[in-house]
C-alpha atoms as a PDB file:
ATOM      1  CA  MET A   1      94.695 137.094 353.845  1.00  0.00           C
ATOM      2  CA  GLU A   2      91.774 138.468 351.826  1.00  0.00           C
ATOM      3  CA  ALA A   3      90.600 136.150 349.047  1.00  0.00           C
ATOM      4  CA  LYS A   4      90.458 137.750 345.601  1.00  0.00           C
ATOM      5  CA  ALA A   5      88.184 136.493 342.842  1.00  0.00           C
ATOM      6  CA  LYS A   6      89.385 135.641 339.357  1.00  0.00           C
ATOM      7  CA  TYR A   7      86.170 136.575 337.580  1.00  0.00           C
ATOM      8  CA  ILE A   8      82.508 137.436 338.085  1.00  0.00           C
ATOM      9  CA  LYS A   9      80.083 134.537 337.582  1.00  0.00           C
ATOM     10  CA  ARG A  10      76.756 136.351 337.956  1.00  0.00           C
ATOM     11  CA  ILE A  11      75.284 139.822 338.371  1.00  0.00           C
ATOM     12  CA  GLU A  12      71.822 140.169 339.899  1.00  0.00           C
ATOM     13  CA  ILE A  13      69.959 143.465 340.278  1.00  0.00           C
ATOM     14  CA  SER A  14      66.594 143.625 342.018  1.00  0.00           C
ATOM     15  CA  GLY A  15      64.226 146.420 341.115  1.00  0.00           C
ATOM     16  CA  LEU A  16      66.117 148.150 338.336  1.00  0.00           C
ATOM     17  CA  TRP A  17      64.097 151.330 337.764  1.00  0.00           C
ATOM     18  CA  GLU A  18      61.572 149.679 340.152  1.00  0.00           C
ATOM     19  CA  ARG A  19      60.237 147.489 337.354  1.00  0.00           C
ATOM     20  CA  LEU A  20      62.914 144.990 336.297  1.00  0.00           C
ATOM     21  CA  ASN A  21      64.941 142.202 337.862  1.00  0.00           C
ATOM     22  CA  ILE A  22      68.271 141.405 336.187  1.00  0.00           C
ATOM     23  CA  ALA A  23      70.056 138.036 336.326  1.00  0.00           C
ATOM     24  CA  TRP A  24      73.141 137.826 334.113  1.00  0.00           C
ATOM     25  CA  ASP A  25      75.382 134.746 334.040  1.00  0.00           C
ATOM     26  CA  LEU A  26      78.863 135.687 332.840  1.00  0.00           C
ATOM     27  CA  ARG A  27      81.669 133.958 331.000  1.00  0.00           C
ATOM     28  CA  PRO A  28      85.192 134.213 332.451  1.00  0.00           C
ATOM     29  CA  ASP A  29      86.590 135.703 329.230  1.00  0.00           C
ATOM     30  CA  VAL A  30      84.323 138.016 327.185  1.00  0.00           C
ATOM     31  CA  ASN A  31      80.812 139.324 327.853  1.00  0.00           C
ATOM     32  CA  ILE A  32      79.046 141.706 325.468  1.00  0.00           C
ATOM     33  CA  LEU A  33      75.775 143.357 326.467  1.00  0.00           C
ATOM     34  CA  SER A  34      73.547 144.438 323.610  1.00  0.00           C
ATOM     35  CA  GLY A  35      70.146 146.063 323.208  1.00  0.00           C
ATOM     36  CA  ILE A  36      68.296 149.147 322.017  1.00  0.00           C
ATOM     37  CA  ASN A  37      68.978 152.609 323.422  1.00  0.00           C
ATOM     38  CA  GLY A  38      67.483 153.151 326.866  1.00  0.00           C
ATOM     39  CA  ILE A  39      66.996 149.472 327.687  1.00  0.00           C
ATOM     40  CA  GLY A  40      69.512 149.589 330.544  1.00  0.00           C
ATOM     41  CA  LYS A  41      72.912 148.447 329.241  1.00  0.00           C
ATOM     42  CA  SER A  42      74.916 151.291 330.761  1.00  0.00           C
ATOM     43  CA  THR A  43      72.880 151.219 333.978  1.00  0.00           C
ATOM     44  CA  ILE A  44      73.661 147.527 334.508  1.00  0.00           C
ATOM     45  CA  ILE A  45      77.381 148.103 333.916  1.00  0.00           C
ATOM     46  CA  ASN A  46      77.514 151.200 336.122  1.00  0.00           C
ATOM     47  CA  THR A  47      75.608 149.462 338.923  1.00  0.00           C
ATOM     48  CA  ALA A  48      78.062 146.558 338.929  1.00  0.00           C
ATOM     49  CA  VAL A  49      81.018 148.961 338.997  1.00  0.00           C
ATOM     50  CA  ARG A  50      79.594 150.890 341.963  1.00  0.00           C
ATOM     51  CA  VAL A  51      79.072 147.665 343.917  1.00  0.00           C
ATOM     52  CA  LEU A  52      82.615 146.456 343.193  1.00  0.00           C
ATOM     53  CA  ALA A  53      83.907 149.839 344.375  1.00  0.00           C
ATOM     54  CA  ALA A  54      81.957 149.385 347.603  1.00  0.00           C
ATOM     55  CA  LEU A  55      83.324 145.856 348.079  1.00  0.00           C
ATOM     56  CA  SER A  56      86.869 147.135 347.594  1.00  0.00           C
ATOM     57  CA  GLY A  57      86.344 149.645 350.400  1.00  0.00           C
ATOM     58  CA  GLU A  58      85.891 152.819 348.398  1.00  0.00           C
ATOM     59  CA  LYS A  59      84.426 155.477 350.698  1.00  0.00           C
ATOM     60  CA  GLY A  60      80.885 156.713 350.185  1.00  0.00           C
ATOM     61  CA  THR A  61      79.727 153.637 348.270  1.00  0.00           C
ATOM     62  CA  GLU A  62      78.401 151.457 351.102  1.00  0.00           C
ATOM     63  CA  LYS A  63      74.685 152.050 350.362  1.00  0.00           C
ATOM     64  CA  LEU A  64      75.060 151.197 346.691  1.00  0.00           C
ATOM     65  CA  THR A  65      75.058 147.436 347.284  1.00  0.00           C
ATOM     66  CA  ARG A  66      71.359 147.293 348.180  1.00  0.00           C
ATOM     67  CA  GLY A  67      69.375 145.093 345.805  1.00  0.00           C
ATOM     68  CA  VAL A  68      72.518 143.999 343.952  1.00  0.00           C
ATOM     69  CA  LYS A  69      74.317 140.670 344.257  1.00  0.00           C
ATOM     70  CA  ILE A  70      77.595 139.846 342.549  1.00  0.00           C
ATOM     71  CA  THR A  71      78.710 136.213 342.604  1.00  0.00           C
ATOM     72  CA  PHE A  72      82.409 135.422 342.122  1.00  0.00           C
ATOM     73  CA  ASP A  73      84.074 132.251 340.874  1.00  0.00           C
ATOM     74  CA  ASN A  74      85.451 131.730 344.394  1.00  0.00           C
ATOM     75  CA  ALA A  75      82.750 131.615 347.060  1.00  0.00           C
ATOM     76  CA  GLU A  76      85.258 132.832 349.668  1.00  0.00           C
ATOM     77  CA  ALA A  77      86.311 135.879 347.641  1.00  0.00           C
ATOM     78  CA  THR A  78      85.089 139.255 348.838  1.00  0.00           C
ATOM     79  CA  SER A  79      86.323 141.471 345.998  1.00  0.00           C
ATOM     80  CA  ILE A  80      88.067 141.522 342.632  1.00  0.00           C
ATOM     81  CA  PRO A  81      90.440 144.013 340.952  1.00  0.00           C
ATOM     82  CA  PHE A  82      88.708 145.957 338.193  1.00  0.00           C
ATOM     83  CA  ASP A  83      89.267 148.793 335.733  1.00  0.00           C
ATOM     84  CA  VAL A  84      86.737 151.058 334.042  1.00  0.00           C
ATOM     85  CA  ILE A  85      87.463 152.698 330.693  1.00  0.00           C
ATOM     86  CA  HIS A  86      85.377 155.724 329.715  1.00  0.00           C
ATOM     87  CA  SER A  87      85.113 156.268 325.960  1.00  0.00           C
ATOM     88  CA  PHE A  88      83.298 159.599 325.795  1.00  0.00           C
ATOM     89  CA  ASP A  89      85.525 162.654 325.468  1.00  0.00           C
ATOM     90  CA  ARG A  90      84.565 166.066 326.816  1.00  0.00           C
ATOM     91  CA  PRO A  91      86.306 169.173 328.154  1.00  0.00           C
ATOM     92  CA  LEU A  92      87.359 168.864 331.776  1.00  0.00           C
ATOM     93  CA  LEU A  93      85.543 170.879 334.398  1.00  0.00           C
ATOM     94  CA  GLN A  94      87.810 172.737 336.789  1.00  0.00           C
ATOM     95  CA  SER A  95      88.522 170.969 340.062  1.00  0.00           C
ATOM     96  CA  ASP A  96      91.227 170.992 342.707  1.00  0.00           C
ATOM     97  CA  SER A  97      92.857 167.871 341.286  1.00  0.00           C
ATOM     98  CA  ILE A  98      92.977 169.310 337.773  1.00  0.00           C
ATOM     99  CA  GLU A  99      94.229 172.717 338.879  1.00  0.00           C
ATOM    100  CA  LYS A 100      97.178 171.084 340.630  1.00  0.00           C
ATOM    101  CA  LEU A 101      98.355 169.467 337.399  1.00  0.00           C
ATOM    102  CA  THR A 102     101.639 170.740 336.098  1.00  0.00           C
ATOM    103  CA  ASP A 103     100.817 169.572 332.558  1.00  0.00           C
ATOM    104  CA  ASN A 104      98.639 172.166 330.850  1.00  0.00           C
ATOM    105  CA  ASN A 105      98.070 169.763 327.939  1.00  0.00           C
ATOM    106  CA  VAL A 106      95.515 167.817 329.969  1.00  0.00           C
ATOM    107  CA  LYS A 107      92.285 169.392 328.740  1.00  0.00           C
ATOM    108  CA  THR A 108      89.750 166.591 328.157  1.00  0.00           C
ATOM    109  CA  ALA A 109      88.401 163.482 329.877  1.00  0.00           C
ATOM    110  CA  LEU A 110      90.546 161.227 327.676  1.00  0.00           C
ATOM    111  CA  ASP A 111      93.607 163.355 328.474  1.00  0.00           C
ATOM    112  CA  TRP A 112      92.922 162.917 332.192  1.00  0.00           C
ATOM    113  CA  GLN A 113      92.772 159.118 331.800  1.00  0.00           C
ATOM    114  CA  LEU A 114      96.062 159.206 329.897  1.00  0.00           C
ATOM    115  CA  TYR A 115      97.677 161.388 332.554  1.00  0.00           C
ATOM    116  CA  GLN A 116      96.747 158.879 335.257  1.00  0.00           C
ATOM    117  CA  LEU A 117      97.890 155.950 333.115  1.00  0.00           C
ATOM    118  CA  GLN A 118     101.289 157.556 332.542  1.00  0.00           C
ATOM    119  CA  ARG A 119     101.959 157.201 336.266  1.00  0.00           C
ATOM    120  CA  LYS A 120     100.763 153.600 336.319  1.00  0.00           C
ATOM    121  CA  TYR A 121     102.934 152.850 333.280  1.00  0.00           C
ATOM    122  CA  LEU A 122     106.038 154.165 335.047  1.00  0.00           C
ATOM    123  CA  ASP A 123     105.245 152.034 338.113  1.00  0.00           C
ATOM    124  CA  TYR A 124     104.665 149.026 335.873  1.00  0.00           C
ATOM    125  CA  GLN A 125     108.068 149.453 334.242  1.00  0.00           C
ATOM    126  CA  VAL A 126     109.815 149.773 337.612  1.00  0.00           C
ATOM    127  CA  ASN A 127     108.132 146.606 338.878  1.00  0.00           C
ATOM    128  CA  ILE A 128     108.927 144.457 335.852  1.00  0.00           C
ATOM    129  CA  GLY A 129     112.445 145.938 335.677  1.00  0.00           C
ATOM    130  CA  ASN A 130     113.149 144.941 339.272  1.00  0.00           C
ATOM    131  CA  ARG A 131     111.769 141.466 338.652  1.00  0.00           C
ATOM    132  CA  ILE A 132     113.902 141.014 335.522  1.00  0.00           C
ATOM    133  CA  ILE A 133     117.049 142.102 337.398  1.00  0.00           C
ATOM    134  CA  GLU A 134     116.213 139.642 340.166  1.00  0.00           C
ATOM    135  CA  LEU A 135     115.742 136.771 337.716  1.00  0.00           C
ATOM    136  CA  LEU A 136     118.884 137.542 335.728  1.00  0.00           C
ATOM    137  CA  GLY A 137     120.803 137.594 339.003  1.00  0.00           C
ATOM    138  CA  GLU A 138     119.875 133.957 339.539  1.00  0.00           C
ATOM    139  CA  ASN A 139     121.789 133.203 336.329  1.00  0.00           C
ATOM    140  CA  THR A 140     120.018 129.987 335.390  1.00  0.00           C
ATOM    141  CA  PRO A 141     118.527 129.024 332.013  1.00  0.00           C
ATOM    142  CA  GLU A 142     115.071 128.906 333.613  1.00  0.00           C
ATOM    143  CA  SER A 143     115.355 132.350 335.214  1.00  0.00           C
ATOM    144  CA  LYS A 144     116.670 133.887 331.974  1.00  0.00           C
ATOM    145  CA  ALA A 145     113.735 132.428 330.038  1.00  0.00           C
ATOM    146  CA  GLN A 146     111.321 133.759 332.663  1.00  0.00           C
ATOM    147  CA  ALA A 147     112.910 137.219 332.467  1.00  0.00           C
ATOM    148  CA  THR A 148     112.314 137.236 328.715  1.00  0.00           C
ATOM    149  CA  LEU A 149     108.656 136.331 329.228  1.00  0.00           C
ATOM    150  CA  ILE A 150     108.187 139.175 331.711  1.00  0.00           C
ATOM    151  CA  ALA A 151     109.498 141.679 329.168  1.00  0.00           C
ATOM    152  CA  THR A 152     107.286 140.347 326.354  1.00  0.00           C
ATOM    153  CA  PRO A 153     103.966 142.146 327.116  1.00  0.00           C
ATOM    154  CA  LYS A 154     105.551 145.616 327.000  1.00  0.00           C
ATOM    155  CA  LYS A 155     107.058 144.932 323.574  1.00  0.00           C
ATOM    156  CA  MET A 156     103.754 143.418 322.428  1.00  0.00           C
ATOM    157  CA  PHE A 157     101.947 146.599 323.536  1.00  0.00           C
ATOM    158  CA  GLN A 158     104.439 148.808 321.672  1.00  0.00           C
ATOM    159  CA  ASP A 159     104.178 146.673 318.535  1.00  0.00           C
ATOM    160  CA  LEU A 160     100.370 146.801 318.613  1.00  0.00           C
ATOM    161  CA  ILE A 161     100.295 150.584 318.981  1.00  0.00           C
ATOM    162  CA  ASP A 162     102.880 151.075 316.228  1.00  0.00           C
ATOM    163  CA  LYS A 163     100.862 148.866 313.876  1.00  0.00           C
ATOM    164  CA  LEU A 164      97.641 150.753 314.632  1.00  0.00           C
ATOM    165  CA  LEU A 165      99.259 154.149 314.033  1.00  0.00           C
ATOM    166  CA  LYS A 166     101.368 153.151 311.034  1.00  0.00           C
ATOM    167  CA  GLU A 167      99.078 154.795 308.472  1.00  0.00           C
ATOM    168  CA  THR A 168      99.374 158.150 310.258  1.00  0.00           C
ATOM    169  CA  ASN A 169     103.175 157.863 310.432  1.00  0.00           C
ATOM    170  CA  LYS A 170     103.373 157.707 314.227  1.00  0.00           C
ATOM    171  CA  LYS A 171     105.191 155.255 316.466  1.00  0.00           C
ATOM    172  CA  ILE A 172     106.021 154.950 320.139  1.00  0.00           C
ATOM    173  CA  ASP A 173     109.325 156.411 321.304  1.00  0.00           C
ATOM    174  CA  ARG A 174     110.861 153.243 322.765  1.00  0.00           C
ATOM    175  CA  LYS A 175     113.824 155.106 324.259  1.00  0.00           C
ATOM    176  CA  ASN A 176     111.614 157.084 326.641  1.00  0.00           C
ATOM    177  CA  ASN A 177     110.109 155.744 329.864  1.00  0.00           C
ATOM    178  CA  GLU A 178     106.982 157.868 329.370  1.00  0.00           C
ATOM    179  CA  ILE A 179     104.492 157.358 326.568  1.00  0.00           C
ATOM    180  CA  LEU A 180     105.646 159.648 323.765  1.00  0.00           C
ATOM    181  CA  PHE A 181     105.329 159.337 319.994  1.00  0.00           C
ATOM    182  CA  ILE A 182     107.614 160.037 317.072  1.00  0.00           C
ATOM    183  CA  SER A 183     106.202 161.403 313.829  1.00  0.00           C
ATOM    184  CA  GLY A 184     108.970 162.177 311.371  1.00  0.00           C
ATOM    185  CA  ASP A 185     111.330 164.542 313.191  1.00  0.00           C
ATOM    186  CA  GLU A 186     108.656 165.593 315.686  1.00  0.00           C
ATOM    187  CA  THR A 187     107.985 164.246 319.181  1.00  0.00           C
ATOM    188  CA  LEU A 188     104.316 164.140 320.148  1.00  0.00           C
ATOM    189  CA  LEU A 189     102.651 163.948 323.546  1.00  0.00           C
ATOM    190  CA  PRO A 190      99.809 161.402 323.840  1.00  0.00           C
ATOM    191  CA  TYR A 191      97.442 164.356 324.370  1.00  0.00           C
ATOM    192  CA  GLN A 192      98.151 165.434 320.773  1.00  0.00           C
ATOM    193  CA  LEU A 193      96.651 162.263 319.309  1.00  0.00           C
ATOM    194  CA  SER A 194      93.160 162.130 317.804  1.00  0.00           C
ATOM    195  CA  SER A 195      90.249 161.041 320.020  1.00  0.00           C
ATOM    196  CA  GLY A 196      90.217 157.569 318.466  1.00  0.00           C
ATOM    197  CA  GLU A 197      93.966 157.159 318.894  1.00  0.00           C
ATOM    198  CA  LYS A 198      93.778 158.308 322.519  1.00  0.00           C
ATOM    199  CA  GLN A 199      90.928 155.913 323.165  1.00  0.00           C
ATOM    200  CA  MET A 200      92.774 152.893 321.786  1.00  0.00           C
ATOM    201  CA  LEU A 201      95.922 153.882 323.672  1.00  0.00           C
ATOM    202  CA  ILE A 202      93.939 154.154 326.928  1.00  0.00           C
ATOM    203  CA  ILE A 203      92.378 150.715 326.457  1.00  0.00           C
ATOM    204  CA  LEU A 204      95.603 148.875 325.628  1.00  0.00           C
ATOM    205  CA  LEU A 205      97.660 150.736 328.236  1.00  0.00           C
ATOM    206  CA  THR A 206      95.092 149.938 330.927  1.00  0.00           C
ATOM    207  CA  VAL A 207      95.295 146.265 330.008  1.00  0.00           C
ATOM    208  CA  LEU A 208      99.110 146.283 329.936  1.00  0.00           C
ATOM    209  CA  VAL A 209      99.526 147.724 333.443  1.00  0.00           C
ATOM    210  CA  GLN A 210      97.240 145.001 334.803  1.00  0.00           C
ATOM    211  CA  ASN A 211     100.464 143.013 334.474  1.00  0.00           C
ATOM    212  CA  ASN A 212      98.703 139.825 333.365  1.00  0.00           C
ATOM    213  CA  ASN A 213      96.757 139.614 336.640  1.00  0.00           C
ATOM    214  CA  TYR A 214      93.149 138.524 336.985  1.00  0.00           C
ATOM    215  CA  CYS A 215      91.012 141.621 336.585  1.00  0.00           C
ATOM    216  CA  VAL A 216      87.621 142.737 335.286  1.00  0.00           C
ATOM    217  CA  LEU A 217      87.637 145.323 332.511  1.00  0.00           C
ATOM    218  CA  PHE A 218      84.426 147.343 332.083  1.00  0.00           C
ATOM    219  CA  MET A 219      83.824 149.331 328.901  1.00  0.00           C
ATOM    220  CA  ASP A 220      80.668 151.181 327.877  1.00  0.00           C
ATOM    221  CA  GLU A 221      80.480 151.429 324.077  1.00  0.00           C
ATOM    222  CA  PRO A 222      84.252 151.338 323.487  1.00  0.00           C
ATOM    223  CA  GLU A 223      83.705 151.587 319.725  1.00  0.00           C
ATOM    224  CA  ILE A 224      83.072 155.344 320.021  1.00  0.00           C
ATOM    225  CA  SER A 225      85.628 157.159 317.801  1.00  0.00           C
ATOM    226  CA  LEU A 226      87.305 153.900 316.750  1.00  0.00           C
ATOM    227  CA  HIS A 227      87.849 153.051 313.095  1.00  0.00           C
ATOM    228  CA  ILE A 228      85.870 149.954 312.085  1.00  0.00           C
ATOM    229  CA  GLU A 229      89.088 147.957 311.540  1.00  0.00           C
ATOM    230  CA  TRP A 230      90.119 148.767 315.112  1.00  0.00           C
ATOM    231  CA  GLN A 231      86.701 147.677 316.349  1.00  0.00           C
ATOM    232  CA  HIS A 232      87.248 144.300 314.684  1.00  0.00           C
ATOM    233  CA  LYS A 233      90.588 143.813 316.441  1.00  0.00           C
ATOM    234  CA  LEU A 234      89.865 145.340 319.845  1.00  0.00           C
ATOM    235  CA  ILE A 235      88.806 142.277 321.862  1.00  0.00           C
ATOM    236  CA  ALA A 236      91.556 140.097 320.371  1.00  0.00           C
ATOM    237  CA  MET A 237      94.205 142.700 321.246  1.00  0.00           C
ATOM    238  CA  ILE A 238      92.960 142.946 324.825  1.00  0.00           C
ATOM    239  CA  ARG A 239      93.025 139.170 325.166  1.00  0.00           C
ATOM    240  CA  GLN A 240      96.499 139.071 323.663  1.00  0.00           C
ATOM    241  CA  LEU A 241      97.868 141.551 326.220  1.00  0.00           C
ATOM    242  CA  ASN A 242      96.119 139.978 329.202  1.00  0.00           C
ATOM    243  CA  PRO A 243      94.346 136.640 328.714  1.00  0.00           C
ATOM    244  CA  ASN A 244      93.407 136.751 332.419  1.00  0.00           C
ATOM    245  CA  ALA A 245      91.210 139.833 332.009  1.00  0.00           C
ATOM    246  CA  GLN A 246      87.453 139.311 332.084  1.00  0.00           C
ATOM    247  CA  ILE A 247      85.913 141.738 329.596  1.00  0.00           C
ATOM    248  CA  ILE A 248      82.443 143.169 330.236  1.00  0.00           C
ATOM    249  CA  LEU A 249      81.265 145.700 327.670  1.00  0.00           C
ATOM    250  CA  THR A 250      78.242 147.238 326.004  1.00  0.00           C
ATOM    251  CA  THR A 251      78.085 147.939 322.295  1.00  0.00           C
ATOM    252  CA  HIS A 252      75.892 148.916 319.360  1.00  0.00           C
ATOM    253  CA  SER A 253      78.503 147.908 316.798  1.00  0.00           C
ATOM    254  CA  PRO A 254      78.295 144.594 314.881  1.00  0.00           C
ATOM    255  CA  ALA A 255      81.998 145.036 314.089  1.00  0.00           C
ATOM    256  CA  MET A 256      82.877 144.371 317.725  1.00  0.00           C
ATOM    257  CA  ILE A 257      81.623 140.788 317.541  1.00  0.00           C
ATOM    258  CA  MET A 258      82.595 139.840 313.984  1.00  0.00           C
ATOM    259  CA  GLU A 259      85.910 138.248 314.958  1.00  0.00           C
ATOM    260  CA  GLY A 260      84.400 135.215 316.686  1.00  0.00           C
ATOM    261  CA  TRP A 261      82.550 136.756 319.630  1.00  0.00           C
ATOM    262  CA  LEU A 262      78.920 136.222 318.593  1.00  0.00           C
ATOM    263  CA  ASP A 263      78.458 133.606 321.327  1.00  0.00           C
ATOM    264  CA  ALA A 264      79.586 136.161 323.922  1.00  0.00           C
ATOM    265  CA  VAL A 265      76.655 138.500 323.182  1.00  0.00           C
ATOM    266  CA  THR A 266      73.769 138.792 325.650  1.00  0.00           C
ATOM    267  CA  GLU A 267      70.609 140.782 324.963  1.00  0.00           C
ATOM    268  CA  VAL A 268      69.326 142.789 327.920  1.00  0.00           C
ATOM    269  CA  SER A 269      65.827 141.451 327.214  1.00  0.00           C
ATOM    270  CA  ASP A 270      67.111 137.898 327.779  1.00  0.00           C
ATOM    271  CA  ILE A 271      68.397 138.609 331.303  1.00  0.00           C
ATOM    272  CA  SER A 272      65.555 140.838 332.543  1.00  0.00           C
ATOM    273  CA  SER A 273      62.116 140.060 333.911  1.00  0.00           C
ATOM    274  CA  GLU A 274      59.233 142.337 334.794  1.00  0.00           C
ATOM    275  CA  ILE A 275      58.405 142.781 338.469  1.00  0.00           C
ATOM    276  CA  CYS A 276      54.880 141.593 339.163  1.00  0.00           C
ATOM    277  CA  LYS A 277      52.922 144.096 341.209  1.00  0.00           C
ATOM    278  CA  SER A 278      49.786 143.000 342.995  1.00  0.00           C
END
């Protein structure tokens, strides 16, 4: 059976832009990469993601591991589950996959992420529903308590979203298996939310469907479009939904680290060294 890692311990990149070596030791919980524009934050994140995709067997990525070493917590592990959240919204370019969509409301990059997450959310509900039925069938105090715990993250997710959207008079439709919203007498699709609302929904929904498993969550400047109050709360909400997620993100926003995450910040200049050329 293939060994899966719980978190990434270290990322090493040799010859970044042919002039820098990167050596970044990571925490198992939260890692925030900071630095001026153009110093390499996004490149480091994207390089790590491409290598993890290659390790997981994604086709066409085999050559991307050259000069990059990722060390896991478990020396026998060969890969780790991971998710990547893209914050920048833009109109979708036409492609075969988009043209086959039956939902004409999917028009932007954030919409496309939400469309894919809707499917994962339905699968997540089926899986936890089956597990709850199985536990309740055992009819013991322990199994009933465990069934309640399994149902808790979904309610926590719904409560968090409702609290975030309270000022705009929106809340999740809890009677529907898909993600829909109620605003007064109107039912809204997630694609009708603002960019910031979509972005926060994507982040929290991605974390929820991880189903409390060990996983790495990559985010490049997730504060884009988010209200400053949401930036303050973002990391804590992610940790609340899945304390087993290792967060790796880049940011320019001081608000992201103000709720106790200053020690999790790493400057790119502190993990890079110039390549000496003779």
